[in-house]
């Protein structure tokens, strides 16, 4: 598989996790890190054993030895950061939520397609072993016709107005930060809905703090997705079909396993051991796509990323 030298744009927690996990994979390395300040970049590089550190994003994307850029900044900056990398001729992996709006997502995708460059939303959970196995079971017909999908993602965050979950200027939003997981999961299983109903309530700063949505399909299937930033929910997921159902352990979006339960109640356990947090699987997908000459991933297609952003915009409107 293609050896890639990554440039990490942003020195936050997710950048640390991504860098740490990439160290578990042969042929993939974080070669450079860029921050808005040189001190932050140097501290990150020293802690994570990264060769180069830059005090600006422009310097990072201009490094000729950086093959691909990982954008790990807060949501409001994804659009500018991704465009900066693309205009420097770099393929890009952009953290989810991909952008703040569907218009921004379309702009990034349009720029990448115009330049003939790869870009992908970093929905890392889609590439984990248990998610791959689930898609295989569905494709094989083991579950029968899918009737319902349920997924929730609730975390408790202290009411701090400067928190990225609550601060409007940081893209504060339970849906953008948490709801993107169950929503993307439902779309992965059932595709894009033809009907939709939502209920959304604001947190103390005015951003969305708790939200639920029901998605309806021409087949009669339903998906129920929920998120909240004020309570630790079970964070489980279930896919139920006419022949069997799959119950995914909490946290459903993170490395783990699931149980297949047929109509008669017989169970089969699927376990998957994953080293690290699991963010390296998406990096391997980027390497695979680049090696194959693909400009987008068939597992996380760009039109689907845009459609999910459109759904999140709709979901975020109070109702």
Protein backbone atom coordinates (compact mmCIF):
# COMPACT_ATOMS: atom_id res chain seq x y z
CA UNK A 1 0.00 0.00 0.00
CA UNK A 2 1.12 3.53 -0.76
CA UNK A 3 3.40 5.05 1.88
CA UNK A 4 2.03 8.44 2.91
CA UNK A 5 3.62 11.31 4.77
CA UNK A 6 0.82 13.13 6.53
CA UNK A 7 0.60 16.74 7.55
CA UNK A 8 -1.65 17.32 10.57
CA UNK A 9 -3.39 20.70 10.46
CA UNK A 10 -4.40 21.61 14.00
CA UNK A 11 -3.00 20.60 17.37
CA UNK A 12 -6.18 19.70 19.28
CA UNK A 13 -7.13 16.46 20.97
CA UNK A 14 -8.32 14.74 17.79
CA UNK A 15 -5.01 15.56 16.08
CA UNK A 16 -3.16 13.85 18.91
CA UNK A 17 -5.39 10.77 18.65
CA UNK A 18 -5.00 10.58 14.89
CA UNK A 19 -1.22 10.90 15.10
CA UNK A 20 -0.98 8.29 17.83
CA UNK A 21 -3.12 5.81 15.89
CA UNK A 22 -1.24 6.41 12.65
CA UNK A 23 1.89 5.24 14.44
CA UNK A 24 0.32 1.78 14.62
CA UNK A 25 0.31 1.39 10.83
CA UNK A 26 3.35 0.52 8.74
CA UNK A 27 3.95 2.87 5.84
CA UNK A 28 1.91 5.75 7.30
CA UNK A 29 3.56 8.54 9.26
CA UNK A 30 2.82 12.04 10.44
CA UNK A 31 5.66 13.99 8.89
CA UNK A 32 4.66 17.53 9.91
CA UNK A 33 2.23 19.48 12.06
CA UNK A 34 0.92 22.99 11.58
CA UNK A 35 -0.67 25.36 14.05
CA UNK A 36 -1.56 29.03 14.26
CA UNK A 37 1.39 29.43 16.64
CA UNK A 38 4.84 27.93 16.38
CA UNK A 39 4.94 27.16 20.12
CA UNK A 40 1.83 24.99 19.85
CA UNK A 41 3.20 23.17 16.79
CA UNK A 42 6.56 22.56 18.46
CA UNK A 43 4.92 21.24 21.64
CA UNK A 44 2.79 18.85 19.55
CA UNK A 45 5.80 17.70 17.53
CA UNK A 46 7.87 17.08 20.65
CA UNK A 47 5.10 15.12 22.37
CA UNK A 48 4.15 13.06 19.30
CA UNK A 49 7.64 12.64 17.81
CA UNK A 50 6.81 14.50 14.59
CA UNK A 51 9.73 15.61 12.44
CA UNK A 52 8.56 19.07 11.37
CA UNK A 53 6.50 21.81 12.99
CA UNK A 54 5.12 24.95 11.41
CA UNK A 55 3.68 28.10 12.96
CA UNK A 56 1.14 28.54 10.16
CA UNK A 57 -1.18 26.36 8.14
CA UNK A 58 0.19 27.89 4.93
CA UNK A 59 3.67 26.56 5.70
CA UNK A 60 2.30 23.10 6.44
CA UNK A 61 0.40 22.69 3.17
CA UNK A 62 3.36 24.12 1.23
CA UNK A 63 5.78 21.48 2.50
CA UNK A 64 6.72 19.44 -0.61
CA UNK A 65 7.29 16.34 1.53
CA UNK A 66 3.71 16.33 2.86
CA UNK A 67 1.68 13.95 0.70
CA UNK A 68 -1.74 14.41 2.28
CA UNK A 69 -3.27 16.78 4.84
CA UNK A 70 -5.48 15.86 7.79
CA UNK A 71 -7.70 18.76 8.92
CA UNK A 72 -8.39 18.42 12.63
CA UNK A 73 -9.52 21.94 13.56
CA UNK A 74 -13.00 22.88 14.91
CA UNK A 75 -15.94 22.75 12.47
CA UNK A 76 -16.07 26.49 11.60
CA UNK A 77 -12.55 26.35 10.17
CA UNK A 78 -12.85 23.17 8.08
CA UNK A 79 -13.91 24.97 4.92
CA UNK A 80 -11.00 27.43 4.88
CA UNK A 81 -8.45 24.83 5.99
CA UNK A 82 -9.54 22.24 3.43
CA UNK A 83 -9.54 24.77 0.60
CA UNK A 84 -6.08 25.95 1.63
CA UNK A 85 -4.74 22.41 1.37
CA UNK A 86 -6.50 21.66 -1.91
CA UNK A 87 -5.23 24.88 -3.48
CA UNK A 88 -1.74 23.81 -2.46
CA UNK A 89 -2.30 20.60 -4.44
CA UNK A 90 -2.74 18.28 -1.45
CA UNK A 91 -5.30 15.50 -1.00
CA UNK A 92 -7.30 16.10 2.17
CA UNK A 93 -8.98 14.15 4.97
CA UNK A 94 -11.39 16.50 6.77
CA UNK A 95 -12.69 15.79 10.26
CA UNK A 96 -16.39 15.36 10.76
CA UNK A 97 -18.64 17.15 10.85
CA UNK A 98 -17.26 17.94 7.39
CA UNK A 99 -18.30 21.61 7.50
CA UNK A 100 -20.76 23.96 9.18
CA UNK A 101 -23.14 24.03 6.22
CA UNK A 102 -23.98 22.07 3.10
CA UNK A 103 -22.91 25.04 0.98
CA UNK A 104 -19.42 24.85 2.48
CA UNK A 105 -19.33 21.11 1.84
CA UNK A 106 -20.29 21.66 -1.80
CA UNK A 107 -17.54 24.26 -2.11
CA UNK A 108 -14.85 21.86 -0.85
CA UNK A 109 -16.08 19.02 -3.04
CA UNK A 110 -16.28 21.31 -6.05
CA UNK A 111 -12.73 22.54 -5.52
CA UNK A 112 -11.41 18.98 -5.15
CA UNK A 113 -13.20 17.77 -8.28
CA UNK A 114 -12.06 20.78 -10.31
CA UNK A 115 -8.45 20.14 -9.31
CA UNK A 116 -8.65 16.36 -9.61
CA UNK A 117 -7.70 15.85 -5.96
CA UNK A 118 -8.87 13.33 -3.38
CA UNK A 119 -10.94 14.49 -0.41
CA UNK A 120 -12.85 12.52 2.22
CA UNK A 121 -14.85 13.14 5.36
CA UNK A 122 -13.09 11.59 8.36
CA UNK A 123 -16.08 9.52 9.49
CA UNK A 124 -13.64 7.05 11.02
CA UNK A 125 -16.27 4.70 12.43
CA UNK A 126 -17.30 3.55 8.93
CA UNK A 127 -13.92 1.90 8.47
CA UNK A 128 -13.77 0.01 11.77
CA UNK A 129 -13.83 -3.82 11.55
CA UNK A 130 -17.25 -4.24 13.15
CA UNK A 131 -18.80 -1.73 10.73
CA UNK A 132 -17.25 -3.53 7.76
CA UNK A 133 -18.64 -6.83 9.11
CA UNK A 134 -22.11 -5.30 9.58
CA UNK A 135 -22.19 -4.09 5.98
CA UNK A 136 -21.13 -7.57 4.86
CA UNK A 137 -23.95 -9.23 6.84
CA UNK A 138 -26.50 -6.85 5.32
CA UNK A 139 -25.15 -7.41 1.80
CA UNK A 140 -25.30 -11.20 2.31
CA UNK A 141 -28.96 -10.95 3.33
CA UNK A 142 -28.36 -12.33 6.82
CA UNK A 143 -30.68 -9.71 8.33
CA UNK A 144 -33.33 -9.93 5.62
CA UNK A 145 -35.08 -6.71 4.64
CA UNK A 146 -34.05 -3.89 7.00
CA UNK A 147 -37.04 -2.45 8.84
CA UNK A 148 -35.62 -0.30 11.63
CA UNK A 149 -32.37 1.39 12.58
CA UNK A 150 -31.83 2.96 16.00
CA UNK A 151 -28.74 4.83 17.16
CA UNK A 152 -28.05 7.38 19.89
CA UNK A 153 -25.10 9.45 20.99
CA UNK A 154 -25.35 11.30 24.27
CA UNK A 155 -22.49 12.73 26.30
CA UNK A 156 -22.51 14.94 29.38
CA UNK A 157 -20.65 18.23 29.09
CA UNK A 158 -20.43 20.83 31.85
CA UNK A 159 -22.29 24.05 31.07
CA UNK A 160 -19.20 25.99 30.07
CA UNK A 161 -19.98 28.75 27.53
CA UNK A 162 -16.43 28.49 26.16
CA UNK A 163 -16.76 24.76 25.43
CA UNK A 164 -16.67 23.71 21.78
CA UNK A 165 -20.05 21.99 22.37
CA UNK A 166 -21.70 25.23 23.49
CA UNK A 167 -19.78 28.18 22.02
CA UNK A 168 -21.40 29.38 18.76
CA UNK A 169 -18.08 30.74 17.50
CA UNK A 170 -16.55 27.26 17.81
CA UNK A 171 -19.41 25.59 15.99
CA UNK A 172 -21.13 24.55 19.19
CA UNK A 173 -23.81 21.97 18.40
CA UNK A 174 -24.81 18.58 19.74
CA UNK A 175 -25.85 17.61 16.21
CA UNK A 176 -22.59 18.62 14.51
CA UNK A 177 -20.40 17.03 17.17
CA UNK A 178 -22.49 14.05 18.35
CA UNK A 179 -25.52 13.62 16.13
CA UNK A 180 -23.38 13.22 13.03
CA UNK A 181 -22.50 9.69 14.22
CA UNK A 182 -26.00 8.18 14.47
CA UNK A 183 -27.17 10.12 11.42
CA UNK A 184 -24.27 8.93 9.27
CA UNK A 185 -24.79 5.40 10.60
CA UNK A 186 -28.46 5.43 9.54
CA UNK A 187 -27.55 6.72 6.09
CA UNK A 188 -24.83 4.08 5.77
CA UNK A 189 -27.39 1.32 6.43
CA UNK A 190 -30.51 2.64 4.73
CA UNK A 191 -29.35 5.41 2.40
CA UNK A 192 -30.93 8.85 2.17
CA UNK A 193 -34.49 9.18 3.48
CA UNK A 194 -37.58 10.27 1.58
CA UNK A 195 -39.42 11.47 4.70
CA UNK A 196 -38.18 13.11 7.88
CA UNK A 197 -39.45 14.46 11.19
CA UNK A 198 -37.32 16.20 13.83
CA UNK A 199 -37.46 17.66 17.32
CA UNK A 200 -34.63 19.92 18.46
CA UNK A 201 -34.11 21.86 21.71
CA UNK A 202 -31.49 24.48 22.50
CA UNK A 203 -28.75 24.36 25.10
CA UNK A 204 -28.19 27.29 27.47
CA UNK A 205 -26.12 29.23 24.89
CA UNK A 206 -28.74 28.89 22.17
CA UNK A 207 -27.02 26.21 20.10
CA UNK A 208 -28.78 22.87 19.68
CA UNK A 209 -28.34 20.74 22.80
CA UNK A 210 -30.70 17.82 22.33
CA UNK A 211 -32.22 16.48 19.13
CA UNK A 212 -34.14 13.51 17.77
CA UNK A 213 -35.09 12.63 14.21
CA UNK A 214 -37.14 9.97 12.46
CA UNK A 215 -36.16 9.17 8.90
CA UNK A 216 -38.58 7.37 6.62
CA UNK A 217 -37.92 5.33 3.48
CA UNK A 218 -39.93 4.19 0.46
CA UNK A 219 -39.45 0.59 1.65
CA UNK A 220 -41.34 1.44 4.84
CA UNK A 221 -38.16 1.29 6.92
CA UNK A 222 -37.58 3.82 9.70
CA UNK A 223 -34.45 5.15 11.35
CA UNK A 224 -34.58 6.81 14.77
CA UNK A 225 -31.53 8.86 15.74
CA UNK A 226 -30.93 10.94 18.86
CA UNK A 227 -28.19 13.02 20.46
CA UNK A 228 -27.69 15.18 23.53
CA UNK A 229 -24.83 17.11 25.08
CA UNK A 230 -26.28 17.01 28.60
CA UNK A 231 -26.49 13.29 29.47
CA UNK A 232 -24.46 10.11 29.01
CA UNK A 233 -26.73 7.83 27.03
CA UNK A 234 -26.26 4.16 26.18
CA UNK A 235 -24.72 5.07 22.78
CA UNK A 236 -25.84 1.75 21.34
CA UNK A 237 -27.17 0.98 17.88
CA UNK A 238 -29.50 -1.65 16.48
CA UNK A 239 -30.29 -2.73 12.93
CA UNK A 240 -33.38 -4.93 12.72
CA UNK A 241 -34.41 -6.88 9.64
CA UNK A 242 -37.06 -9.44 8.77
CA UNK A 243 -34.67 -12.35 9.44
CA UNK A 244 -32.44 -11.08 12.25
CA UNK A 245 -31.16 -8.05 14.06
CA UNK A 246 -27.74 -6.75 15.05
CA UNK A 247 -27.19 -5.06 18.42
CA UNK A 248 -23.97 -3.06 18.52
CA UNK A 249 -22.34 -2.43 21.88
CA UNK A 250 -21.97 1.10 23.22
CA UNK A 251 -20.12 3.09 22.09
CA UNK A 252 -21.45 1.85 18.75
CA UNK A 253 -19.25 4.21 16.71
CA UNK A 254 -16.01 3.14 18.41
CA UNK A 255 -14.04 -0.13 18.19
CA UNK A 256 -16.05 -3.03 19.58
CA UNK A 257 -18.33 -5.89 18.66
CA UNK A 258 -21.95 -6.80 18.15
CA UNK A 259 -24.45 -9.61 18.57
CA UNK A 260 -26.48 -11.13 15.75
CA UNK A 261 -29.88 -12.36 16.98
CA UNK A 262 -32.13 -14.33 14.64
CA UNK A 263 -35.95 -14.46 14.76
CA UNK A 264 -35.84 -17.50 17.00
CA UNK A 265 -33.58 -15.80 19.53
CA UNK A 266 -30.38 -17.67 18.63
CA UNK A 267 -27.37 -15.43 19.09
CA UNK A 268 -23.97 -15.20 17.40
CA UNK A 269 -21.28 -13.00 18.85
CA UNK A 270 -18.88 -11.00 16.66
CA UNK A 271 -15.79 -9.62 18.44
CA UNK A 272 -13.06 -7.42 16.99
CA UNK A 273 -9.87 -6.43 18.76
CA UNK A 274 -8.56 -3.05 17.67
CA UNK A 275 -5.30 -1.52 18.76
CA UNK A 276 -5.56 2.16 19.61
CA UNK A 277 -8.66 4.24 19.04
CA UNK A 278 -9.19 3.07 15.46
CA UNK A 279 -8.57 6.27 13.51
CA UNK A 280 -5.85 4.57 11.48
CA UNK A 281 -8.41 2.59 9.47
CA UNK A 282 -9.59 5.75 7.71
CA UNK A 283 -5.96 6.62 6.91
CA UNK A 284 -5.57 3.20 5.31
CA UNK A 285 -8.67 3.92 3.23
CA UNK A 286 -7.11 7.17 2.03
CA UNK A 287 -3.92 5.30 1.10
CA UNK A 288 -5.92 2.60 -0.70
CA UNK A 289 -7.90 5.17 -2.69
CA UNK A 290 -4.83 7.18 -3.65
CA UNK A 291 -3.01 4.02 -4.72
CA UNK A 292 -6.01 3.06 -6.87
CA UNK A 293 -6.28 6.51 -8.41
CA UNK A 294 -9.67 7.22 -6.79
CA UNK A 295 -10.70 10.80 -6.05
CA UNK A 296 -13.21 9.75 -3.40
CA UNK A 297 -13.94 6.78 -1.17
CA UNK A 298 -16.78 4.44 -2.13
CA UNK A 299 -17.32 3.85 1.61
CA UNK A 300 -17.75 7.59 2.35
CA UNK A 301 -18.79 9.13 -0.99
CA UNK A 302 -18.64 12.89 -1.37
CA UNK A 303 -22.24 13.30 -2.52
CA UNK A 304 -23.30 11.42 0.60
CA UNK A 305 -21.20 13.73 2.78
CA UNK A 306 -22.98 16.71 1.20
CA UNK A 307 -26.39 15.08 1.69
CA UNK A 308 -25.61 14.37 5.36
CA UNK A 309 -24.67 18.03 5.83
CA UNK A 310 -28.02 18.98 4.28
CA UNK A 311 -29.79 16.68 6.73
CA UNK A 312 -27.89 18.16 9.67
CA UNK A 313 -28.80 21.70 8.60
CA UNK A 314 -32.45 20.66 8.56
CA UNK A 315 -32.12 18.86 11.91
CA UNK A 316 -30.50 21.85 13.61
CA UNK A 317 -33.53 24.07 13.02
CA UNK A 318 -35.53 24.28 16.30
CA UNK A 319 -38.91 22.55 16.14
